[in-house]
Amino acid sequence: MPECQNCGSFVTPAYARVFAPTEMEDPRVCPYCDDMVRDGADVRKARSPRNS
């Protein structure tokens, strides 16, 4: 099963297919990662808070 590389949470195969890079099976960030966003090939802290 796919899981978030950042927090280890389970993600659905459909989410991984859409948000993981082509050569990877697991996304770098998921909706459960508070205040984290994808930035090119990296993950960074969001500039403004999310989910507040």
Foldseek 3Di string as FASTA:
>chain_A
DEAAPCPGHDDDQVCQVPAPPPVDRHHPDDPVPWQWDDDPPDIDGHPDGPPD
